[in-house]
Amino acid sequence: MTFALIFFMLILPWMATFSGSMLGLKINMGSQNRQNMILGFAAGIMVAATIWSLLIPAFQEADNPVQGAIISSVGFLMGCGLILLLDHLMPHQHPSEDAPEGPSSGLSRPML
């Protein structure tokens, strides 16, 4: 696999997603409600991209539509479960909360 293929298939979409989310995070909209609205909009775009760009083509690629729907749905639910598991296993702190979540660690607030 060439570096150009890796760049265009993995790194470029990651950079676009990261820069867009950081832009939504760093833009000061004047109030917390507006900021939450921008971040919620960005999250909705990512969910839509997941459905239209990943799940629907996965349904269509299967030989049997029912089997494709079942396999894609199980994979989606496994991904959701993995995210929930990581939420419990990794130490992190939300900006609006005072106490960190997950297992205790010696990391500072900015590192969490």
N, C-alpha and C. Protein backbone atom coordinates (compact mmCIF):
# COMPACT_ATOMS: atom_id res chain seq x y z
N MET A 1 0.85 -1.18 0.00
CA MET A 1 0.00 0.00 0.00
C MET A 1 0.90 1.24 0.00
N THR A 2 0.65 2.15 -0.88
CA THR A 2 1.50 3.33 -0.97
C THR A 2 1.11 4.36 0.06
N PHE A 3 2.06 5.28 0.29
CA PHE A 3 1.80 6.34 1.26
C PHE A 3 0.69 7.26 0.78
N ALA A 4 0.61 7.52 -0.53
CA ALA A 4 -0.43 8.40 -1.05
C ALA A 4 -1.82 7.82 -0.77
N LEU A 5 -1.96 6.51 -0.95
CA LEU A 5 -3.24 5.88 -0.68
C LEU A 5 -3.59 5.97 0.81
N ILE A 6 -2.62 5.72 1.65
CA ILE A 6 -2.85 5.84 3.09
C ILE A 6 -3.23 7.28 3.45
N PHE A 7 -2.55 8.24 2.85
CA PHE A 7 -2.82 9.65 3.13
C PHE A 7 -4.25 10.01 2.74
N PHE A 8 -4.65 9.65 1.53
CA PHE A 8 -5.97 10.06 1.05
C PHE A 8 -7.11 9.26 1.67
N MET A 9 -6.85 8.05 2.09
CA MET A 9 -7.92 7.22 2.66
C MET A 9 -8.05 7.34 4.17
N LEU A 10 -6.95 7.66 4.86
CA LEU A 10 -6.99 7.69 6.32
C LEU A 10 -6.65 9.06 6.90
N ILE A 11 -5.53 9.59 6.52
CA ILE A 11 -5.03 10.80 7.17
C ILE A 11 -5.82 12.04 6.78
N LEU A 12 -6.12 12.20 5.50
CA LEU A 12 -6.86 13.39 5.05
C LEU A 12 -8.26 13.48 5.66
N PRO A 13 -9.07 12.41 5.66
CA PRO A 13 -10.37 12.52 6.34
C PRO A 13 -10.23 12.77 7.84
N TRP A 14 -9.22 12.17 8.47
CA TRP A 14 -9.02 12.42 9.89
C TRP A 14 -8.69 13.89 10.13
N MET A 15 -7.81 14.45 9.30
CA MET A 15 -7.43 15.87 9.46
C MET A 15 -8.63 16.78 9.26
N ALA A 16 -9.48 16.47 8.28
CA ALA A 16 -10.68 17.29 8.05
C ALA A 16 -11.64 17.21 9.23
N THR A 17 -11.85 16.01 9.75
CA THR A 17 -12.73 15.83 10.90
C THR A 17 -12.18 16.54 12.13
N PHE A 18 -10.89 16.37 12.38
CA PHE A 18 -10.26 16.98 13.55
C PHE A 18 -10.30 18.51 13.46
N SER A 19 -9.94 19.06 12.30
CA SER A 19 -9.92 20.52 12.17
C SER A 19 -11.32 21.09 12.27
N GLY A 20 -12.32 20.39 11.71
CA GLY A 20 -13.69 20.88 11.83
C GLY A 20 -14.20 20.85 13.25
N SER A 21 -13.87 19.80 13.98
CA SER A 21 -14.32 19.74 15.38
C SER A 21 -13.59 20.76 16.24
N MET A 22 -12.31 20.97 15.99
CA MET A 22 -11.57 21.97 16.76
C MET A 22 -12.08 23.37 16.45
N LEU A 23 -12.45 23.62 15.20
CA LEU A 23 -13.01 24.91 14.83
C LEU A 23 -14.32 25.14 15.57
N GLY A 24 -15.17 24.11 15.62
CA GLY A 24 -16.43 24.22 16.36
C GLY A 24 -16.21 24.41 17.84
N LEU A 25 -15.13 23.84 18.37
CA LEU A 25 -14.85 23.96 19.79
C LEU A 25 -14.26 25.32 20.14
N LYS A 26 -13.44 25.87 19.26
CA LYS A 26 -12.72 27.10 19.56
C LYS A 26 -13.46 28.38 19.18
N ILE A 27 -14.46 28.29 18.31
CA ILE A 27 -15.21 29.49 17.95
C ILE A 27 -16.04 29.94 19.15
N ASN A 28 -15.88 31.18 19.54
CA ASN A 28 -16.64 31.71 20.66
C ASN A 28 -17.94 32.29 20.12
N MET A 29 -19.05 31.67 20.45
CA MET A 29 -20.35 32.08 19.94
C MET A 29 -21.08 33.04 20.88
N GLY A 30 -20.47 33.41 21.98
CA GLY A 30 -21.08 34.38 22.87
C GLY A 30 -21.80 33.78 24.05
N SER A 31 -22.36 32.62 23.92
CA SER A 31 -23.04 31.98 25.04
C SER A 31 -22.83 30.47 24.98
N GLN A 32 -23.00 29.83 26.11
CA GLN A 32 -22.82 28.39 26.18
C GLN A 32 -23.88 27.65 25.37
N ASN A 33 -25.11 28.19 25.32
CA ASN A 33 -26.17 27.54 24.56
C ASN A 33 -25.83 27.52 23.06
N ARG A 34 -25.31 28.63 22.55
CA ARG A 34 -24.92 28.67 21.14
C ARG A 34 -23.75 27.72 20.87
N GLN A 35 -22.81 27.67 21.79
CA GLN A 35 -21.67 26.76 21.65
C GLN A 35 -22.14 25.31 21.63
N ASN A 36 -23.07 24.97 22.52
CA ASN A 36 -23.62 23.62 22.55
C ASN A 36 -24.37 23.30 21.27
N MET A 37 -25.04 24.30 20.71
CA MET A 37 -25.77 24.10 19.46
C MET A 37 -24.79 23.78 18.32
N ILE A 38 -23.67 24.49 18.25
CA ILE A 38 -22.67 24.25 17.20
C ILE A 38 -22.07 22.85 17.37
N LEU A 39 -21.72 22.47 18.58
CA LEU A 39 -21.14 21.15 18.81
C LEU A 39 -22.16 20.03 18.55
N GLY A 40 -23.41 20.26 18.90
CA GLY A 40 -24.46 19.28 18.60
C GLY A 40 -24.68 19.13 17.11
N PHE A 41 -24.59 20.24 16.38
CA PHE A 41 -24.71 20.19 14.93
C PHE A 41 -23.57 19.37 14.33
N ALA A 42 -22.35 19.59 14.81
CA ALA A 42 -21.20 18.83 14.33
C ALA A 42 -21.36 17.34 14.63
N ALA A 43 -21.87 17.01 15.80
CA ALA A 43 -22.10 15.61 16.15
C ALA A 43 -23.17 15.00 15.25
N GLY A 44 -24.20 15.75 14.93
CA GLY A 44 -25.24 15.27 14.03
C GLY A 44 -24.71 15.01 12.63
N ILE A 45 -23.81 15.86 12.16
CA ILE A 45 -23.19 15.66 10.84
C ILE A 45 -22.40 14.36 10.84
N MET A 46 -21.67 14.08 11.93
CA MET A 46 -20.87 12.87 11.99
C MET A 46 -21.76 11.62 12.03
N VAL A 47 -22.89 11.69 12.73
CA VAL A 47 -23.81 10.56 12.76
C VAL A 47 -24.41 10.34 11.37
N ALA A 48 -24.78 11.42 10.69
CA ALA A 48 -25.31 11.30 9.33
C ALA A 48 -24.26 10.71 8.39
N ALA A 49 -23.01 11.13 8.53
CA ALA A 49 -21.95 10.58 7.69
C ALA A 49 -21.76 9.10 7.95
N THR A 50 -21.90 8.70 9.19
CA THR A 50 -21.79 7.28 9.52
C THR A 50 -22.89 6.48 8.85
N ILE A 51 -24.09 6.98 8.88
CA ILE A 51 -25.21 6.24 8.32
C ILE A 51 -25.14 6.20 6.80
N TRP A 52 -25.00 7.38 6.17
CA TRP A 52 -25.07 7.42 4.70
C TRP A 52 -23.79 6.94 4.02
N SER A 53 -22.66 7.09 4.65
CA SER A 53 -21.40 6.70 4.00
C SER A 53 -20.89 5.33 4.42
N LEU A 54 -21.36 4.80 5.53
CA LEU A 54 -20.85 3.52 6.00
C LEU A 54 -21.94 2.45 6.10
N LEU A 55 -23.02 2.73 6.82
CA LEU A 55 -24.01 1.70 7.07
C LEU A 55 -24.84 1.35 5.84
N ILE A 56 -25.34 2.34 5.12
CA ILE A 56 -26.16 2.05 3.94
C ILE A 56 -25.36 1.33 2.87
N PRO A 57 -24.11 1.76 2.55
CA PRO A 57 -23.32 0.96 1.59
C PRO A 57 -23.04 -0.46 2.10
N ALA A 58 -22.88 -0.63 3.40
CA ALA A 58 -22.67 -1.98 3.94
C ALA A 58 -23.92 -2.83 3.74
N PHE A 59 -25.12 -2.25 3.89
CA PHE A 59 -26.35 -2.98 3.61
C PHE A 59 -26.38 -3.41 2.15
N GLN A 60 -26.00 -2.51 1.26
CA GLN A 60 -26.10 -2.76 -0.18
C GLN A 60 -25.05 -3.75 -0.68
N GLU A 61 -23.92 -3.86 -0.01
CA GLU A 61 -22.86 -4.75 -0.45
C GLU A 61 -23.14 -6.22 -0.13
N ALA A 62 -24.00 -6.46 0.79
CA ALA A 62 -24.29 -7.85 1.19
C ALA A 62 -25.12 -8.54 0.11
N ASP A 63 -24.91 -9.86 -0.03
CA ASP A 63 -25.67 -10.64 -1.00
C ASP A 63 -27.14 -10.73 -0.62
N ASN A 64 -27.39 -10.93 0.66
CA ASN A 64 -28.75 -11.03 1.17
C ASN A 64 -29.03 -9.76 1.97
N PRO A 65 -30.06 -8.97 1.61
CA PRO A 65 -30.32 -7.71 2.31
C PRO A 65 -30.58 -7.88 3.81
N VAL A 66 -31.26 -8.94 4.19
CA VAL A 66 -31.53 -9.16 5.62
C VAL A 66 -30.24 -9.47 6.35
N GLN A 67 -29.40 -10.33 5.77
CA GLN A 67 -28.13 -10.66 6.39
C GLN A 67 -27.24 -9.42 6.48
N GLY A 68 -27.22 -8.58 5.44
CA GLY A 68 -26.43 -7.35 5.47
C GLY A 68 -26.90 -6.39 6.56
N ALA A 69 -28.23 -6.30 6.71
CA ALA A 69 -28.77 -5.42 7.75
C ALA A 69 -28.40 -5.93 9.14
N ILE A 70 -28.46 -7.24 9.32
CA ILE A 70 -28.14 -7.81 10.63
C ILE A 70 -26.66 -7.62 10.95
N ILE A 71 -25.79 -7.95 9.99
CA ILE A 71 -24.35 -7.82 10.23
C ILE A 71 -23.97 -6.37 10.48
N SER A 72 -24.49 -5.44 9.66
CA SER A 72 -24.16 -4.02 9.84
C SER A 72 -24.69 -3.48 11.17
N SER A 73 -25.89 -3.89 11.54
CA SER A 73 -26.46 -3.44 12.81
C SER A 73 -25.67 -3.97 14.00
N VAL A 74 -25.28 -5.24 13.93
CA VAL A 74 -24.48 -5.82 15.02
C VAL A 74 -23.14 -5.10 15.12
N GLY A 75 -22.51 -4.82 13.98
CA GLY A 75 -21.25 -4.08 13.99
C GLY A 75 -21.41 -2.69 14.57
N PHE A 76 -22.50 -2.00 14.22
CA PHE A 76 -22.77 -0.67 14.76
C PHE A 76 -22.96 -0.72 16.27
N LEU A 77 -23.72 -1.70 16.74
CA LEU A 77 -23.95 -1.83 18.18
C LEU A 77 -22.67 -2.21 18.93
N MET A 78 -21.81 -3.03 18.29
CA MET A 78 -20.53 -3.35 18.91
C MET A 78 -19.66 -2.10 19.04
N GLY A 79 -19.69 -1.24 18.03
CA GLY A 79 -18.96 0.02 18.10
C GLY A 79 -19.48 0.92 19.21
N CYS A 80 -20.80 0.98 19.37
CA CYS A 80 -21.40 1.76 20.46
C CYS A 80 -20.97 1.20 21.81
N GLY A 81 -20.97 -0.12 21.92
CA GLY A 81 -20.54 -0.75 23.17
C GLY A 81 -19.08 -0.46 23.48
N LEU A 82 -18.24 -0.46 22.45
CA LEU A 82 -16.82 -0.15 22.65
C LEU A 82 -16.63 1.28 23.15
N ILE A 83 -17.38 2.21 22.60
CA ILE A 83 -17.29 3.60 23.06
C ILE A 83 -17.73 3.71 24.52
N LEU A 84 -18.81 3.03 24.89
CA LEU A 84 -19.25 3.05 26.29
C LEU A 84 -18.23 2.41 27.21
N LEU A 85 -17.62 1.31 26.75
CA LEU A 85 -16.59 0.66 27.55
C LEU A 85 -15.38 1.58 27.75
N LEU A 86 -14.96 2.24 26.69
CA LEU A 86 -13.83 3.17 26.81
C LEU A 86 -14.17 4.33 27.74
N ASP A 87 -15.44 4.76 27.73
CA ASP A 87 -15.85 5.84 28.62
C ASP A 87 -15.68 5.44 30.08
N HIS A 88 -15.85 4.17 30.39
CA HIS A 88 -15.69 3.70 31.77
C HIS A 88 -14.24 3.35 32.10
N LEU A 89 -13.46 2.94 31.11
CA LEU A 89 -12.11 2.46 31.37
C LEU A 89 -11.03 3.55 31.32
N MET A 90 -11.29 4.63 30.60
CA MET A 90 -10.27 5.68 30.44
C MET A 90 -10.56 6.86 31.34
N PRO A 91 -9.56 7.35 32.04
CA PRO A 91 -9.79 8.55 32.86
C PRO A 91 -9.99 9.76 31.96
N HIS A 92 -11.00 10.57 32.27
CA HIS A 92 -11.26 11.79 31.50
C HIS A 92 -12.06 12.74 32.37
N GLN A 93 -12.06 14.00 31.95
CA GLN A 93 -12.80 15.01 32.70
C GLN A 93 -13.48 15.93 31.71
N HIS A 94 -14.77 16.12 31.91
CA HIS A 94 -15.54 17.01 31.06
C HIS A 94 -15.30 18.45 31.51
N PRO A 95 -15.30 19.41 30.57
CA PRO A 95 -15.00 20.80 30.94
C PRO A 95 -15.97 21.40 31.96
N SER A 96 -17.22 20.94 31.95
CA SER A 96 -18.21 21.53 32.84
C SER A 96 -18.26 20.85 34.22
N GLU A 97 -17.45 19.80 34.43
CA GLU A 97 -17.50 19.08 35.70
C GLU A 97 -16.20 19.27 36.48
N ASP A 98 -16.32 19.16 37.80
CA ASP A 98 -15.16 19.36 38.67
C ASP A 98 -14.38 18.07 38.92
N ALA A 99 -15.07 16.95 38.95
CA ALA A 99 -14.42 15.68 39.28
C ALA A 99 -14.20 14.86 38.01
N PRO A 100 -13.05 14.20 37.90
CA PRO A 100 -12.81 13.33 36.73
C PRO A 100 -13.63 12.05 36.80
N GLU A 101 -13.85 11.45 35.63
CA GLU A 101 -14.57 10.18 35.53
C GLU A 101 -13.59 9.07 35.17
N GLY A 102 -14.00 7.86 35.38
CA GLY A 102 -13.16 6.71 35.06
C GLY A 102 -12.22 6.38 36.20
N PRO A 103 -11.25 5.50 35.95
CA PRO A 103 -10.32 5.12 37.01
C PRO A 103 -9.44 6.31 37.41
N SER A 104 -9.03 6.32 38.65
CA SER A 104 -8.20 7.43 39.12
C SER A 104 -6.83 7.36 38.45
N SER A 105 -6.28 8.54 38.20
CA SER A 105 -4.94 8.63 37.58
C SER A 105 -4.27 9.88 38.13
N GLY A 106 -2.99 9.98 37.90
CA GLY A 106 -2.25 11.13 38.36
C GLY A 106 -2.18 12.25 37.32
N LEU A 107 -3.05 12.19 36.31
CA LEU A 107 -3.01 13.18 35.24
C LEU A 107 -3.63 14.50 35.70
N SER A 108 -3.09 15.59 35.20
CA SER A 108 -3.64 16.91 35.53
C SER A 108 -4.92 17.14 34.73
N ARG A 109 -5.66 18.16 35.11
CA ARG A 109 -6.94 18.47 34.42
C ARG A 109 -6.74 18.70 32.92
N PRO A 110 -5.74 19.47 32.48
CA PRO A 110 -5.57 19.63 31.03
C PRO A 110 -5.25 18.32 30.31
N MET A 111 -4.53 17.42 30.96
CA MET A 111 -4.20 16.14 30.33
C MET A 111 -5.43 15.23 30.25
N LEU A 112 -6.36 15.37 31.18
CA LEU A 112 -7.57 14.56 31.14
C LEU A 112 -8.47 15.05 30.04
